[in-house]
Amino acid sequence: MLKKFENWLLQNNYKPNTAKDYKYRIQRICKKEDISLDVLVANIANVLPQYELSGVKSEYGRMSHESVKQALRRFNKFLSVEGR
């Protein structure tokens, strides 16, 4: 699924480095949260707000010019487009 996410980003005019980085950040979030990708997919609506501005993990979400938060947002959009 993450390769499909990366390809979706590329099809939506993201630069190759950004697409690869966002894919990597989703993997890191799963590792940080100690959850599988399937669990993240099923719970994205609960996980994403934790990394937003007022969320309990907002400091981590702001890392690297907010790339963590942006990766989660784009992954959420990808899932909605994919019908998940």
PDB file of N, CA and C in Angstrom:
ATOM      1  N   MET A   1       0.814  -1.195   0.000  1.00  0.00           N
ATOM      2  CA  MET A   1       0.000   0.000   0.000  1.00  0.00           C
ATOM      3  C   MET A   1       0.864   1.269   0.000  1.00  0.00           C
ATOM      4  N   LEU A   2       2.001   1.229   0.675  1.00  0.00           N
ATOM      5  CA  LEU A   2       2.831   2.436   0.733  1.00  0.00           C
ATOM      6  C   LEU A   2       3.426   2.787  -0.631  1.00  0.00           C
ATOM      7  N   LYS A   3       3.740   1.782  -1.430  1.00  0.00           N
ATOM      8  CA  LYS A   3       4.228   2.063  -2.784  1.00  0.00           C
ATOM      9  C   LYS A   3       3.115   2.711  -3.608  1.00  0.00           C
ATOM     10  N   LYS A   4       1.896   2.249  -3.414  1.00  0.00           N
ATOM     11  CA  LYS A   4       0.749   2.845  -4.105  1.00  0.00           C
ATOM     12  C   LYS A   4       0.556   4.295  -3.654  1.00  0.00           C
ATOM     13  N   PHE A   5       0.755   4.546  -2.366  1.00  0.00           N
ATOM     14  CA  PHE A   5       0.691   5.908  -1.827  1.00  0.00           C
ATOM     15  C   PHE A   5       1.762   6.780  -2.479  1.00  0.00           C
ATOM     16  N   GLU A   6       2.973   6.262  -2.564  1.00  0.00           N
ATOM     17  CA  GLU A   6       4.058   7.009  -3.198  1.00  0.00           C
ATOM     18  C   GLU A   6       3.722   7.323  -4.658  1.00  0.00           C
ATOM     19  N   ASN A   7       3.205   6.345  -5.384  1.00  0.00           N
ATOM     20  CA  ASN A   7       2.825   6.565  -6.787  1.00  0.00           C
ATOM     21  C   ASN A   7       1.693   7.584  -6.901  1.00  0.00           C
ATOM     22  N   TRP A   8       0.740   7.539  -5.975  1.00  0.00           N
ATOM     23  CA  TRP A   8      -0.355   8.501  -5.974  1.00  0.00           C
ATOM     24  C   TRP A   8       0.173   9.924  -5.785  1.00  0.00           C
ATOM     25  N   LEU A   9       1.130  10.071  -4.887  1.00  0.00           N
ATOM     26  CA  LEU A   9       1.743  11.384  -4.677  1.00  0.00           C
ATOM     27  C   LEU A   9       2.413  11.873  -5.957  1.00  0.00           C
ATOM     28  N   LEU A  10       3.143  10.998  -6.616  1.00  0.00           N
ATOM     29  CA  LEU A  10       3.811  11.371  -7.864  1.00  0.00           C
ATOM     30  C   LEU A  10       2.798  11.764  -8.933  1.00  0.00           C
ATOM     31  N   GLN A  11       1.695  11.030  -9.011  1.00  0.00           N
ATOM     32  CA  GLN A  11       0.639  11.348  -9.981  1.00  0.00           C
ATOM     33  C   GLN A  11      -0.036  12.680  -9.660  1.00  0.00           C
ATOM     34  N   ASN A  12       0.076  13.113  -8.407  1.00  0.00           N
ATOM     35  CA  ASN A  12      -0.512  14.380  -7.980  1.00  0.00           C
ATOM     36  C   ASN A  12       0.546  15.471  -7.878  1.00  0.00           C
ATOM     37  N   ASN A  13       1.579  15.324  -8.681  1.00  0.00           N
ATOM     38  CA  ASN A  13       2.612  16.346  -8.890  1.00  0.00           C
ATOM     39  C   ASN A  13       3.514  16.628  -7.696  1.00  0.00           C
ATOM     40  N   TYR A  14       3.661  15.666  -6.814  1.00  0.00           N
ATOM     41  CA  TYR A  14       4.654  15.809  -5.755  1.00  0.00           C
ATOM     42  C   TYR A  14       6.007  15.414  -6.330  1.00  0.00           C
ATOM     43  N   LYS A  15       7.044  16.051  -5.846  1.00  0.00           N
ATOM     44  CA  LYS A  15       8.388  15.729  -6.297  1.00  0.00           C
ATOM     45  C   LYS A  15       8.764  14.329  -5.804  1.00  0.00           C
ATOM     46  N   PRO A  16       9.594  13.612  -6.567  1.00  0.00           N
ATOM     47  CA  PRO A  16       9.986  12.258  -6.163  1.00  0.00           C
ATOM     48  C   PRO A  16      10.562  12.178  -4.745  1.00  0.00           C
ATOM     49  N   ASN A  17      11.378  13.142  -4.366  1.00  0.00           N
ATOM     50  CA  ASN A  17      11.948  13.126  -3.016  1.00  0.00           C
ATOM     51  C   ASN A  17      10.876  13.298  -1.944  1.00  0.00           C
ATOM     52  N   THR A  18       9.898  14.135  -2.211  1.00  0.00           N
ATOM     53  CA  THR A  18       8.812  14.350  -1.252  1.00  0.00           C
ATOM     54  C   THR A  18       7.960  13.102  -1.132  1.00  0.00           C
ATOM     55  N   ALA A  19       7.641  12.480  -2.260  1.00  0.00           N
ATOM     56  CA  ALA A  19       6.831  11.252  -2.244  1.00  0.00           C
ATOM     57  C   ALA A  19       7.529  10.159  -1.449  1.00  0.00           C
ATOM     58  N   LYS A  20       8.813  10.000  -1.672  1.00  0.00           N
ATOM     59  CA  LYS A  20       9.589   8.984  -0.962  1.00  0.00           C
ATOM     60  C   LYS A  20       9.662   9.326   0.532  1.00  0.00           C
ATOM     61  N   ASP A  21       9.854  10.598   0.841  1.00  0.00           N
ATOM     62  CA  ASP A  21       9.933  11.040   2.228  1.00  0.00           C
ATOM     63  C   ASP A  21       8.614  10.806   2.969  1.00  0.00           C
ATOM     64  N   TYR A  22       7.497  11.135   2.340  1.00  0.00           N
ATOM     65  CA  TYR A  22       6.197  10.934   2.983  1.00  0.00           C
ATOM     66  C   TYR A  22       5.934   9.455   3.242  1.00  0.00           C
ATOM     67  N   LYS A  23       6.308   8.623   2.295  1.00  0.00           N
ATOM     68  CA  LYS A  23       6.159   7.171   2.486  1.00  0.00           C
ATOM     69  C   LYS A  23       6.989   6.730   3.691  1.00  0.00           C
ATOM     70  N   TYR A  24       8.204   7.205   3.763  1.00  0.00           N
ATOM     71  CA  TYR A  24       9.089   6.874   4.879  1.00  0.00           C
ATOM     72  C   TYR A  24       8.510   7.372   6.202  1.00  0.00           C
ATOM     73  N   ARG A  25       7.943   8.565   6.204  1.00  0.00           N
ATOM     74  CA  ARG A  25       7.388   9.131   7.445  1.00  0.00           C
ATOM     75  C   ARG A  25       6.183   8.321   7.934  1.00  0.00           C
ATOM     76  N   ILE A  26       5.383   7.810   7.029  1.00  0.00           N
ATOM     77  CA  ILE A  26       4.267   6.944   7.440  1.00  0.00           C
ATOM     78  C   ILE A  26       4.811   5.674   8.097  1.00  0.00           C
ATOM     79  N   GLN A  27       5.860   5.119   7.536  1.00  0.00           N
ATOM     80  CA  GLN A  27       6.489   3.947   8.157  1.00  0.00           C
ATOM     81  C   GLN A  27       7.008   4.284   9.550  1.00  0.00           C
ATOM     82  N   ARG A  28       7.626   5.456   9.699  1.00  0.00           N
ATOM     83  CA  ARG A  28       8.168   5.879  10.994  1.00  0.00           C
ATOM     84  C   ARG A  28       7.053   6.098  12.016  1.00  0.00           C
ATOM     85  N   ILE A  29       5.939   6.641  11.581  1.00  0.00           N
ATOM     86  CA  ILE A  29       4.812   6.844  12.498  1.00  0.00           C
ATOM     87  C   ILE A  29       4.306   5.497  13.002  1.00  0.00           C
ATOM     88  N   CYS A  30       4.195   4.527  12.104  1.00  0.00           N
ATOM     89  CA  CYS A  30       3.767   3.187  12.520  1.00  0.00           C
ATOM     90  C   CYS A  30       4.737   2.619  13.554  1.00  0.00           C
ATOM     91  N   LYS A  31       6.015   2.807  13.310  1.00  0.00           N
ATOM     92  CA  LYS A  31       7.015   2.309  14.251  1.00  0.00           C
ATOM     93  C   LYS A  31       6.921   3.063  15.580  1.00  0.00           C
ATOM     94  N   LYS A  32       6.803   4.382  15.516  1.00  0.00           N
ATOM     95  CA  LYS A  32       6.706   5.208  16.723  1.00  0.00           C
ATOM     96  C   LYS A  32       5.473   4.841  17.544  1.00  0.00           C
ATOM     97  N   GLU A  33       4.366   4.612  16.861  1.00  0.00           N
ATOM     98  CA  GLU A  33       3.107   4.266  17.525  1.00  0.00           C
ATOM     99  C   GLU A  33       3.041   2.781  17.898  1.00  0.00           C
ATOM    100  N   ASP A  34       3.996   2.020  17.384  1.00  0.00           N
ATOM    101  CA  ASP A  34       4.028   0.564  17.586  1.00  0.00           C
ATOM    102  C   ASP A  34       2.739  -0.091  17.079  1.00  0.00           C
ATOM    103  N   ILE A  35       2.380   0.289  15.843  1.00  0.00           N
ATOM    104  CA  ILE A  35       1.186  -0.258  15.198  1.00  0.00           C
ATOM    105  C   ILE A  35       1.537  -0.680  13.777  1.00  0.00           C
ATOM    106  N   SER A  36       0.735  -1.554  13.233  1.00  0.00           N
ATOM    107  CA  SER A  36       0.924  -1.959  11.842  1.00  0.00           C
ATOM    108  C   SER A  36       0.299  -0.909  10.919  1.00  0.00           C
ATOM    109  N   LEU A  37       0.642  -0.991   9.658  1.00  0.00           N
ATOM    110  CA  LEU A  37       0.047  -0.090   8.675  1.00  0.00           C
ATOM    111  C   LEU A  37      -1.466  -0.288   8.625  1.00  0.00           C
ATOM    112  N   ASP A  38      -1.926  -1.518   8.731  1.00  0.00           N
ATOM    113  CA  ASP A  38      -3.366  -1.796   8.724  1.00  0.00           C
ATOM    114  C   ASP A  38      -4.077  -1.107   9.884  1.00  0.00           C
ATOM    115  N   VAL A  39      -3.440  -1.092  11.035  1.00  0.00           N
ATOM    116  CA  VAL A  39      -4.028  -0.421  12.201  1.00  0.00           C
ATOM    117  C   VAL A  39      -4.064   1.087  11.978  1.00  0.00           C
ATOM    118  N   LEU A  40      -2.997   1.641  11.396  1.00  0.00           N
ATOM    119  CA  LEU A  40      -2.996   3.077  11.085  1.00  0.00           C
ATOM    120  C   LEU A  40      -4.121   3.407  10.115  1.00  0.00           C
ATOM    121  N   VAL A  41      -4.271   2.606   9.081  1.00  0.00           N
ATOM    122  CA  VAL A  41      -5.329   2.835   8.093  1.00  0.00           C
ATOM    123  C   VAL A  41      -6.699   2.838   8.776  1.00  0.00           C
ATOM    124  N   ALA A  42      -6.922   1.877   9.635  1.00  0.00           N
ATOM    125  CA  ALA A  42      -8.215   1.758  10.314  1.00  0.00           C
ATOM    126  C   ALA A  42      -8.456   2.881  11.320  1.00  0.00           C
ATOM    127  N   ASN A  43      -7.375   3.494  11.809  1.00  0.00           N
ATOM    128  CA  ASN A  43      -7.506   4.498  12.876  1.00  0.00           C
ATOM    129  C   ASN A  43      -6.951   5.868  12.511  1.00  0.00           C
ATOM    130  N   ILE A  44      -6.799   6.144  11.221  1.00  0.00           N
ATOM    131  CA  ILE A  44      -6.213   7.414  10.793  1.00  0.00           C
ATOM    132  C   ILE A  44      -6.990   8.612  11.342  1.00  0.00           C
ATOM    133  N   ALA A  45      -8.299   8.487  11.458  1.00  0.00           N
ATOM    134  CA  ALA A  45      -9.117   9.600  11.965  1.00  0.00           C
ATOM    135  C   ALA A  45      -8.809   9.905  13.428  1.00  0.00           C
ATOM    136  N   ASN A  46      -8.284   8.936  14.154  1.00  0.00           N
ATOM    137  CA  ASN A  46      -7.907   9.155  15.548  1.00  0.00           C
ATOM    138  C   ASN A  46      -6.430   9.527  15.693  1.00  0.00           C
ATOM    139  N   VAL A  47      -5.601   9.025  14.806  1.00  0.00           N
ATOM    140  CA  VAL A  47      -4.163   9.273  14.896  1.00  0.00           C
ATOM    141  C   VAL A  47      -3.814  10.670  14.394  1.00  0.00           C
ATOM    142  N   LEU A  48      -4.349  11.068  13.262  1.00  0.00           N
ATOM    143  CA  LEU A  48      -4.008  12.357  12.656  1.00  0.00           C
ATOM    144  C   LEU A  48      -4.202  13.533  13.611  1.00  0.00           C
ATOM    145  N   PRO A  49      -5.329  13.662  14.293  1.00  0.00           N
ATOM    146  CA  PRO A  49      -5.513  14.818  15.188  1.00  0.00           C
ATOM    147  C   PRO A  49      -4.474  14.910  16.312  1.00  0.00           C
ATOM    148  N   GLN A  50      -3.885  13.797  16.681  1.00  0.00           N
ATOM    149  CA  GLN A  50      -2.864  13.816  17.731  1.00  0.00           C
ATOM    150  C   GLN A  50      -1.616  14.576  17.284  1.00  0.00           C
ATOM    151  N   TYR A  51      -1.383  14.641  15.980  1.00  0.00           N
ATOM    152  CA  TYR A  51      -0.200  15.296  15.432  1.00  0.00           C
ATOM    153  C   TYR A  51      -0.501  16.714  14.937  1.00  0.00           C
ATOM    154  N   GLU A  52      -1.760  17.112  14.979  1.00  0.00           N
ATOM    155  CA  GLU A  52      -2.139  18.457  14.561  1.00  0.00           C
ATOM    156  C   GLU A  52      -1.721  19.490  15.609  1.00  0.00           C
ATOM    157  N   LEU A  53      -1.968  20.747  15.343  1.00  0.00           N
ATOM    158  CA  LEU A  53      -1.501  21.869  16.151  1.00  0.00           C
ATOM    159  C   LEU A  53      -1.790  21.731  17.644  1.00  0.00           C
ATOM    160  N   SER A  54      -2.985  21.311  17.994  1.00  0.00           N
ATOM    161  CA  SER A  54      -3.349  21.213  19.408  1.00  0.00           C
ATOM    162  C   SER A  54      -3.337  19.773  19.926  1.00  0.00           C
ATOM    163  N   GLY A  55      -2.811  18.851  19.139  1.00  0.00           N
ATOM    164  CA  GLY A  55      -2.791  17.449  19.542  1.00  0.00           C
ATOM    165  C   GLY A  55      -1.682  17.140  20.536  1.00  0.00           C
ATOM    166  N   VAL A  56      -1.818  16.024  21.202  1.00  0.00           N
ATOM    167  CA  VAL A  56      -0.852  15.639  22.234  1.00  0.00           C
ATOM    168  C   VAL A  56       0.534  15.328  21.653  1.00  0.00           C
ATOM    169  N   LYS A  57       0.600  15.059  20.363  1.00  0.00           N
ATOM    170  CA  LYS A  57       1.890  14.770  19.719  1.00  0.00           C
ATOM    171  C   LYS A  57       2.255  15.849  18.695  1.00  0.00           C
ATOM    172  N   SER A  58       1.739  17.051  18.912  1.00  0.00           N
ATOM    173  CA  SER A  58       1.935  18.142  17.956  1.00  0.00           C
ATOM    174  C   SER A  58       3.405  18.518  17.788  1.00  0.00           C
ATOM    175  N   GLU A  59       4.189  18.384  18.836  1.00  0.00           N
ATOM    176  CA  GLU A  59       5.612  18.720  18.735  1.00  0.00           C
ATOM    177  C   GLU A  59       6.304  17.814  17.712  1.00  0.00           C
ATOM    178  N   TYR A  60       5.999  16.532  17.755  1.00  0.00           N
ATOM    179  CA  TYR A  60       6.548  15.596  16.772  1.00  0.00           C
ATOM    180  C   TYR A  60       5.988  15.910  15.382  1.00  0.00           C
ATOM    181  N   GLY A  61       4.716  16.296  15.319  1.00  0.00           N
ATOM    182  CA  GLY A  61       4.084  16.634  14.048  1.00  0.00           C
ATOM    183  C   GLY A  61       4.712  17.827  13.361  1.00  0.00           C
ATOM    184  N   ARG A  62       5.334  18.709  14.145  1.00  0.00           N
ATOM    185  CA  ARG A  62       5.973  19.906  13.584  1.00  0.00           C
ATOM    186  C   ARG A  62       7.396  19.656  13.101  1.00  0.00           C
ATOM    187  N   MET A  63       7.930  18.494  13.372  1.00  0.00           N
ATOM    188  CA  MET A  63       9.315  18.214  12.973  1.00  0.00           C
ATOM    189  C   MET A  63       9.506  18.355  11.469  1.00  0.00           C
ATOM    190  N   SER A  64      10.700  18.768  11.107  1.00  0.00           N
ATOM    191  CA  SER A  64      11.096  18.872   9.689  1.00  0.00           C
ATOM    192  C   SER A  64      10.094  19.688   8.880  1.00  0.00           C
ATOM    193  N   HIS A  65       9.817  20.880   9.363  1.00  0.00           N
ATOM    194  CA  HIS A  65       8.894  21.785   8.671  1.00  0.00           C
ATOM    195  C   HIS A  65       7.515  21.161   8.487  1.00  0.00           C
ATOM    196  N   GLU A  66       7.079  20.458   9.511  1.00  0.00           N
ATOM    197  CA  GLU A  66       5.752  19.837   9.562  1.00  0.00           C
ATOM    198  C   GLU A  66       5.571  18.690   8.569  1.00  0.00           C
ATOM    199  N   SER A  67       6.659  18.097   8.127  1.00  0.00           N
ATOM    200  CA  SER A  67       6.571  16.996   7.171  1.00  0.00           C
ATOM    201  C   SER A  67       5.822  15.793   7.719  1.00  0.00           C
ATOM    202  N   VAL A  68       5.961  15.564   9.016  1.00  0.00           N
ATOM    203  CA  VAL A  68       5.253  14.431   9.627  1.00  0.00           C
ATOM    204  C   VAL A  68       3.746  14.639   9.505  1.00  0.00           C
ATOM    205  N   LYS A  69       3.314  15.811   9.896  1.00  0.00           N
ATOM    206  CA  LYS A  69       1.882  16.135   9.836  1.00  0.00           C
ATOM    207  C   LYS A  69       1.392  16.131   8.385  1.00  0.00           C
ATOM    208  N   GLN A  70       2.182  16.695   7.498  1.00  0.00           N
ATOM    209  CA  GLN A  70       1.789  16.734   6.088  1.00  0.00           C
ATOM    210  C   GLN A  70       1.710  15.335   5.489  1.00  0.00           C
ATOM    211  N   ALA A  71       2.632  14.473   5.875  1.00  0.00           N
ATOM    212  CA  ALA A  71       2.592  13.089   5.382  1.00  0.00           C
ATOM    213  C   ALA A  71       1.309  12.407   5.843  1.00  0.00           C
ATOM    214  N   LEU A  72       0.951  12.599   7.100  1.00  0.00           N
ATOM    215  CA  LEU A  72      -0.295  12.020   7.614  1.00  0.00           C
ATOM    216  C   LEU A  72      -1.517  12.584   6.892  1.00  0.00           C
ATOM    217  N   ARG A  73      -1.504  13.874   6.662  1.00  0.00           N
ATOM    218  CA  ARG A  73      -2.637  14.498   5.946  1.00  0.00           C
ATOM    219  C   ARG A  73      -2.768  13.941   4.533  1.00  0.00           C
ATOM    220  N   ARG A  74      -1.654  13.848   3.831  1.00  0.00           N
ATOM    221  CA  ARG A  74      -1.697  13.315   2.460  1.00  0.00           C
ATOM    222  C   ARG A  74      -2.083  11.844   2.463  1.00  0.00           C
ATOM    223  N   PHE A  75      -1.631  11.087   3.447  1.00  0.00           N
ATOM    224  CA  PHE A  75      -2.004   9.677   3.541  1.00  0.00           C
ATOM    225  C   PHE A  75      -3.499   9.552   3.797  1.00  0.00           C
ATOM    226  N   ASN A  76      -4.035  10.408   4.632  1.00  0.00           N
ATOM    227  CA  ASN A  76      -5.474  10.418   4.894  1.00  0.00           C
ATOM    228  C   ASN A  76      -6.253  10.727   3.610  1.00  0.00           C
ATOM    229  N   LYS A  77      -5.770  11.695   2.852  1.00  0.00           N
ATOM    230  CA  LYS A  77      -6.412  12.045   1.574  1.00  0.00           C
ATOM    231  C   LYS A  77      -6.340  10.865   0.608  1.00  0.00           C
ATOM    232  N   PHE A  78      -5.191  10.233   0.527  1.00  0.00           N
ATOM    233  CA  PHE A  78      -5.003   9.059  -0.321  1.00  0.00           C
ATOM    234  C   PHE A  78      -6.011   7.970   0.050  1.00  0.00           C
ATOM    235  N   LEU A  79      -6.157   7.721   1.350  1.00  0.00           N
ATOM    236  CA  LEU A  79      -7.107   6.699   1.801  1.00  0.00           C
ATOM    237  C   LEU A  79      -8.537   7.047   1.426  1.00  0.00           C
ATOM    238  N   SER A  80      -8.892   8.325   1.513  1.00  0.00           N
ATOM    239  CA  SER A  80     -10.250   8.722   1.166  1.00  0.00           C
ATOM    240  C   SER A  80     -10.505   8.571  -0.332  1.00  0.00           C
ATOM    241  N   VAL A  81      -9.507   8.883  -1.141  1.00  0.00           N
ATOM    242  CA  VAL A  81      -9.626   8.712  -2.587  1.00  0.00           C
ATOM    243  C   VAL A  81      -9.731   7.235  -2.943  1.00  0.00           C
ATOM    244  N   GLU A  82      -8.999   6.415  -2.212  1.00  0.00           N
ATOM    245  CA  GLU A  82      -9.014   4.971  -2.435  1.00  0.00           C
ATOM    246  C   GLU A  82     -10.265   4.299  -1.864  1.00  0.00           C
ATOM    247  N   GLY A  83     -11.073   5.048  -1.136  1.00  0.00           N
ATOM    248  CA  GLY A  83     -12.306   4.507  -0.574  1.00  0.00           C
ATOM    249  C   GLY A  83     -12.119   3.706   0.690  1.00  0.00           C
ATOM    250  N   ARG A  84     -11.144   4.048   1.466  1.00  0.00           N
ATOM    251  CA  ARG A  84     -10.882   3.329   2.727  1.00  0.00           C
ATOM    252  C   ARG A  84     -11.283   4.146   3.907  1.00  0.00           C
TER     253      ARG A  84
END
